[in-house]
């Protein structure tokens, strides 16, 4: 068993309620679920009206919520490249 985030880093997706109360609290990526649902619904309506419509890509913002389950890169014994700074 790993004792702490210096030995192992983990993240989740969706910022579930349990993420903040887990031990250690889980770093997560918060997704804009309401905006995702609206975009999917709008595309469905549009595709129904126009079956020949081209593929559509949609980019929505996400947010990284850093908590205790992830360690900075330096803690993991790795060095950041100049590009990553």
Protein backbone atom coordinates (compact mmCIF):
# COMPACT_ATOMS: atom_id res chain seq x y z
CA UNK A 1 0.00 0.00 0.00
CA UNK A 2 1.28 3.46 -0.90
CA UNK A 3 1.38 5.83 2.03
CA UNK A 4 1.02 9.25 0.44
CA UNK A 5 0.87 11.35 -2.70
CA UNK A 6 4.67 11.61 -2.84
CA UNK A 7 4.76 7.97 -3.93
CA UNK A 8 1.71 8.02 -6.18
CA UNK A 9 -0.50 10.63 -7.82
CA UNK A 10 -4.04 10.06 -8.98
CA UNK A 11 -6.81 12.14 -10.49
CA UNK A 12 -10.48 11.70 -11.25
CA UNK A 13 -12.93 13.19 -13.69
CA UNK A 14 -16.25 14.96 -12.98
CA UNK A 15 -15.52 16.43 -9.52
CA UNK A 16 -17.87 14.05 -7.74
CA UNK A 17 -19.00 15.02 -4.23
CA UNK A 18 -16.90 12.21 -2.73
CA UNK A 19 -13.69 13.50 -4.35
CA UNK A 20 -13.26 16.28 -1.79
CA UNK A 21 -13.85 14.03 1.24
CA UNK A 22 -11.82 11.01 0.07
CA UNK A 23 -8.55 10.21 1.84
CA UNK A 24 -6.55 11.88 0.42
CA UNK A 25 -8.90 14.34 -1.29
CA UNK A 26 -8.88 13.50 -5.01
CA UNK A 27 -7.53 15.90 -7.62
CA UNK A 28 -10.11 16.06 -10.38
CA UNK A 29 -11.09 17.59 -13.67
CA UNK A 30 -14.38 19.45 -13.42
CA UNK A 31 -16.48 19.05 -16.56
CA UNK A 32 -19.19 21.53 -17.60
CA UNK A 33 -21.97 18.92 -17.51
CA UNK A 34 -24.86 21.34 -18.05
CA UNK A 35 -23.13 22.91 -21.07
CA UNK A 36 -22.26 19.43 -22.40
CA UNK A 37 -25.89 18.34 -22.17
CA UNK A 38 -27.13 21.52 -23.88
CA UNK A 39 -24.58 21.17 -26.70
CA UNK A 40 -25.52 17.51 -27.22
CA UNK A 41 -29.24 18.36 -27.28
CA UNK A 42 -28.71 21.23 -29.72
CA UNK A 43 -26.65 18.98 -32.02
CA UNK A 44 -29.30 16.27 -31.86
CA UNK A 45 -32.03 18.72 -32.86
CA UNK A 46 -29.86 20.11 -35.67
CA UNK A 47 -28.91 16.64 -36.94
CA UNK A 48 -32.56 15.60 -36.93
CA UNK A 49 -33.46 18.64 -39.04
CA UNK A 50 -30.45 18.18 -41.33
CA UNK A 51 -29.34 14.51 -41.59
CA UNK A 52 -26.56 15.47 -44.01
CA UNK A 53 -24.91 17.96 -41.65
CA UNK A 54 -21.14 17.52 -41.34
CA UNK A 55 -19.43 16.32 -38.19
CA UNK A 56 -19.25 19.04 -35.58
CA UNK A 57 -16.56 19.43 -32.92
CA UNK A 58 -17.36 21.39 -29.79
CA UNK A 59 -14.78 22.49 -27.25
CA UNK A 60 -15.93 23.36 -23.77
CA UNK A 61 -13.81 24.65 -20.88
CA UNK A 62 -12.72 22.32 -18.08
CA UNK A 63 -11.17 23.12 -14.72
CA UNK A 64 -8.41 21.26 -12.90
CA UNK A 65 -9.16 21.07 -9.17
CA UNK A 66 -5.87 20.26 -7.44
CA UNK A 67 -6.20 18.43 -4.14
CA UNK A 68 -3.91 16.24 -2.03
CA UNK A 69 -3.98 13.14 -4.29
CA UNK A 70 -1.50 14.59 -6.76
CA UNK A 71 2.04 15.74 -6.18
CA UNK A 72 3.95 18.38 -8.13
CA UNK A 73 6.16 16.88 -10.83
CA UNK A 74 9.32 17.69 -8.86
CA UNK A 75 8.10 15.56 -5.93
CA UNK A 76 7.86 12.56 -8.19
CA UNK A 77 11.57 12.81 -8.95
CA UNK A 78 10.96 14.28 -12.39
CA UNK A 79 12.08 17.57 -13.79
CA UNK A 80 9.83 19.82 -15.83
CA UNK A 81 10.95 20.65 -19.30
CA UNK A 82 11.35 24.33 -20.11
CA UNK A 83 8.37 24.01 -22.44
CA UNK A 84 6.07 22.82 -19.63
CA UNK A 85 6.66 25.86 -17.38
